[in-house]
Amino acid sequence: HPKDALAPGAGFRSAQLQEQLHDYMNAAEAYRWIVERYPTDLHFNEAIEGQFRVGEIYLNGKKLKLLGIPIASALDRAVTIFANVVRTAPYGRYTARAQFNIGMAREKQGANDAAIQAYQAVVDKFPNEPIAVDAQYQIGYIWFTAAQLGTNDAAAAGNAKTAFQDFLFHYPKSEK
């Protein structure tokens, strides 16, 4: 009964229970269901937080399981969850960090172009968030690493230099 007044609360409680039982995939889906169907519900922000929490579990190495046996990395699942957070709460408390985590997941996968795009989105959309400092630094670091590997690509070295100069210009007081 999705139109019942108790549906959002029941869905949220279901998501919490699934998370407690370490059924993270279904918990993330239940949180997403609440966020998409009931954006004005009292549990909206908690559901976003729950999605973010589950995404970080997958980002930090939780493996997908089949019959209880770990079979694969769940980085794509983490990206999907973080993308849902960004899409459903574009100005929320977790949005900038979720976008940054998409970049981290792509970087771990070796998809440097996708990682750079995700980090650049943090810098462009959330320039005043503290995580933007790390995003700009990561862009430079990815280009620097690309320049160091294999062919010592001159374009990658130039891009790394530009990214680090942008970092120094925009964030001169950063620890990094």
Protein backbone atom coordinates (compact mmCIF):
# COMPACT_ATOMS: atom_id res chain seq x y z
CA HIS A 1 0.00 0.00 0.00
CA PRO A 2 2.42 2.72 -1.17
CA LYS A 3 -0.17 5.49 -0.81
CA ASP A 4 -0.86 4.73 2.83
CA ALA A 5 0.37 7.33 5.33
CA LEU A 6 2.45 4.66 7.08
CA ALA A 7 4.26 3.51 3.91
CA PRO A 8 7.28 5.84 4.13
CA GLY A 9 7.96 4.96 7.76
CA ALA A 10 7.53 1.25 7.09
CA GLY A 11 9.85 1.45 4.09
CA PHE A 12 12.44 3.32 6.11
CA ARG A 13 12.28 0.80 8.94
CA SER A 14 12.61 -2.01 6.40
CA ALA A 15 15.75 -0.37 4.99
CA GLN A 16 17.21 -0.01 8.49
CA LEU A 17 16.56 -3.66 9.27
CA GLN A 18 18.12 -4.80 6.01
CA GLU A 19 21.19 -2.71 6.78
CA GLN A 20 21.42 -4.21 10.28
CA LEU A 21 21.26 -7.68 8.73
CA HIS A 22 24.13 -6.70 6.38
CA ASP A 23 21.85 -7.04 3.36
CA TYR A 24 23.35 -3.88 1.93
CA MET A 25 22.12 -4.15 -1.64
CA ASN A 26 18.48 -4.40 -0.57
CA ALA A 27 18.98 -1.73 2.09
CA ALA A 28 20.32 0.69 -0.54
CA GLU A 29 17.36 -0.07 -2.80
CA ALA A 30 14.90 0.46 0.05
CA TYR A 31 16.52 3.79 0.98
CA ARG A 32 16.43 4.84 -2.70
CA TRP A 33 12.75 3.86 -2.92
CA ILE A 34 11.92 6.12 0.04
CA VAL A 35 13.89 9.05 -1.35
CA GLU A 36 12.35 8.82 -4.81
CA ARG A 37 8.75 8.16 -3.77
CA TYR A 38 8.51 10.29 -0.64
CA PRO A 39 10.76 13.35 -1.03
CA THR A 40 8.77 15.31 1.55
CA ASP A 41 8.80 12.58 4.20
CA LEU A 42 10.44 13.11 7.58
CA HIS A 43 12.83 10.24 6.85
CA PHE A 44 14.13 11.75 3.58
CA ASN A 45 17.44 13.00 5.01
CA GLU A 46 17.95 9.84 7.03
CA ALA A 47 17.35 7.76 3.90
CA ILE A 48 19.94 9.81 2.00
CA GLU A 49 22.36 9.27 4.89
CA GLY A 50 21.58 5.53 4.82
CA GLN A 51 22.27 5.34 1.10
CA PHE A 52 25.53 7.20 1.59
CA ARG A 53 26.55 4.87 4.43
CA VAL A 54 25.89 1.78 2.31
CA GLY A 55 27.77 3.32 -0.62
CA GLU A 56 30.80 3.85 1.61
CA ILE A 57 30.66 0.22 2.73
CA TYR A 58 30.93 -0.85 -0.90
CA LEU A 59 33.57 1.78 -1.67
CA ASN A 60 35.72 0.52 1.20
CA GLY A 61 35.91 -3.00 -0.11
CA LYS A 62 32.69 -4.87 0.61
CA LYS A 63 32.46 -7.66 -1.95
CA LEU A 64 29.32 -8.74 -3.77
CA LYS A 65 28.34 -12.25 -2.70
CA LEU A 66 26.63 -15.14 -4.40
CA LEU A 67 25.40 -17.82 -2.01
CA GLY A 68 27.54 -16.25 0.70
CA ILE A 69 30.73 -16.41 -1.35
CA PRO A 70 32.48 -13.12 -2.28
CA ILE A 71 32.57 -12.98 -6.08
CA ALA A 72 33.44 -9.45 -7.13
CA SER A 73 34.29 -5.93 -6.09
CA ALA A 74 31.30 -3.72 -5.56
CA LEU A 75 32.76 -0.44 -6.82
CA ASP A 76 30.18 -0.19 -9.60
CA ARG A 77 27.48 -0.67 -6.99
CA ALA A 78 29.04 2.11 -4.89
CA VAL A 79 29.06 4.42 -7.91
CA THR A 80 25.38 3.69 -8.56
CA ILE A 81 24.45 4.41 -4.94
CA PHE A 82 26.45 7.65 -4.85
CA ALA A 83 24.98 8.73 -8.19
CA ASN A 84 21.51 8.19 -6.72
CA VAL A 85 22.43 10.42 -3.78
CA VAL A 86 23.67 13.14 -6.13
CA ARG A 87 20.58 12.84 -8.33
CA THR A 88 17.95 12.76 -5.59
CA ALA A 89 19.49 15.32 -3.23
CA PRO A 90 21.49 17.68 -5.49
CA TYR A 91 21.99 20.26 -2.73
CA GLY A 92 22.04 17.94 0.24
CA ARG A 93 24.53 17.48 3.01
CA TYR A 94 26.07 14.38 1.43
CA THR A 95 26.02 15.41 -2.22
CA ALA A 96 29.54 16.82 -2.58
CA ARG A 97 31.05 13.89 -0.71
CA ALA A 98 29.02 11.41 -2.80
CA GLN A 99 30.31 13.02 -6.00
CA PHE A 100 33.86 12.83 -4.65
CA ASN A 101 33.35 9.16 -3.76
CA ILE A 102 32.29 8.45 -7.34
CA GLY A 103 35.71 9.76 -8.34
CA MET A 104 37.41 7.59 -5.73
CA ALA A 105 35.60 4.48 -6.94
CA ARG A 106 36.47 5.19 -10.56
CA GLU A 107 40.09 5.85 -9.59
CA LYS A 108 40.25 2.51 -7.75
CA GLN A 109 38.89 0.85 -10.89
CA GLY A 110 41.59 2.46 -13.00
CA ALA A 111 39.03 4.51 -14.96
CA ASN A 112 41.05 7.72 -14.72
CA ASP A 113 39.02 9.73 -17.23
CA ALA A 114 35.80 8.98 -15.34
CA ALA A 115 37.53 9.77 -12.04
CA ILE A 116 38.75 13.12 -13.33
CA GLN A 117 35.24 13.96 -14.55
CA ALA A 118 33.77 13.11 -11.16
CA TYR A 119 36.38 15.15 -9.29
CA GLN A 120 35.94 18.06 -11.70
CA ALA A 121 32.19 17.98 -10.99
CA VAL A 122 32.99 18.45 -7.29
CA VAL A 123 35.25 21.42 -8.05
CA ASP A 124 32.71 22.99 -10.44
CA LYS A 125 29.50 22.39 -8.49
CA PHE A 126 30.76 22.63 -4.91
CA PRO A 127 33.75 25.01 -4.95
CA ASN A 128 33.16 26.16 -1.37
CA GLU A 129 32.93 22.68 0.13
CA PRO A 130 36.05 21.45 1.95
CA ILE A 131 36.08 18.31 -0.23
CA ALA A 132 36.69 20.47 -3.34
CA VAL A 133 40.28 20.94 -2.16
CA ASP A 134 40.85 17.20 -2.22
CA ALA A 135 39.07 16.84 -5.56
CA GLN A 136 41.31 19.41 -7.26
CA TYR A 137 44.38 17.75 -5.77
CA GLN A 138 43.25 14.32 -6.98
CA ILE A 139 42.86 15.65 -10.52
CA GLY A 140 46.47 16.74 -10.49
CA TYR A 141 47.59 13.51 -8.87
CA ILE A 142 45.86 11.35 -11.50
CA TRP A 143 47.51 13.32 -14.31
CA PHE A 144 50.86 13.19 -12.50
CA THR A 145 50.61 9.42 -12.11
CA ALA A 146 49.66 9.06 -15.79
CA ALA A 147 52.70 11.11 -16.76
CA GLN A 148 54.96 8.91 -14.65
CA LEU A 149 53.70 5.60 -16.03
CA GLY A 150 54.61 4.02 -19.30
CA THR A 151 55.31 6.54 -22.03
CA ASN A 152 55.88 9.64 -19.86
CA ASP A 153 53.14 11.34 -21.85
CA ALA A 154 53.93 15.06 -22.26
CA ALA A 155 50.25 15.98 -22.42
CA ALA A 156 49.62 14.23 -19.10
CA ALA A 157 52.54 16.09 -17.55
CA GLY A 158 51.17 19.39 -18.83
CA ASN A 159 47.71 18.55 -17.52
CA ALA A 160 49.18 17.63 -14.14
CA LYS A 161 51.05 20.93 -14.01
CA THR A 162 47.90 22.87 -14.90
CA ALA A 163 45.81 20.98 -12.34
CA PHE A 164 48.34 21.58 -9.57
CA GLN A 165 48.65 25.25 -10.53
CA ASP A 166 44.84 25.52 -10.28
CA PHE A 167 45.06 23.82 -6.92
CA LEU A 168 47.68 26.29 -5.66
CA PHE A 169 45.74 29.25 -7.03
CA HIS A 170 42.36 28.26 -5.57
CA TYR A 171 43.54 26.69 -2.31
CA PRO A 172 46.80 28.38 -1.27
CA LYS A 173 46.23 27.67 2.43
CA SER A 174 45.63 23.95 2.03
CA GLU A 175 47.86 21.52 3.93
CA LYS A 176 48.55 19.72 0.67
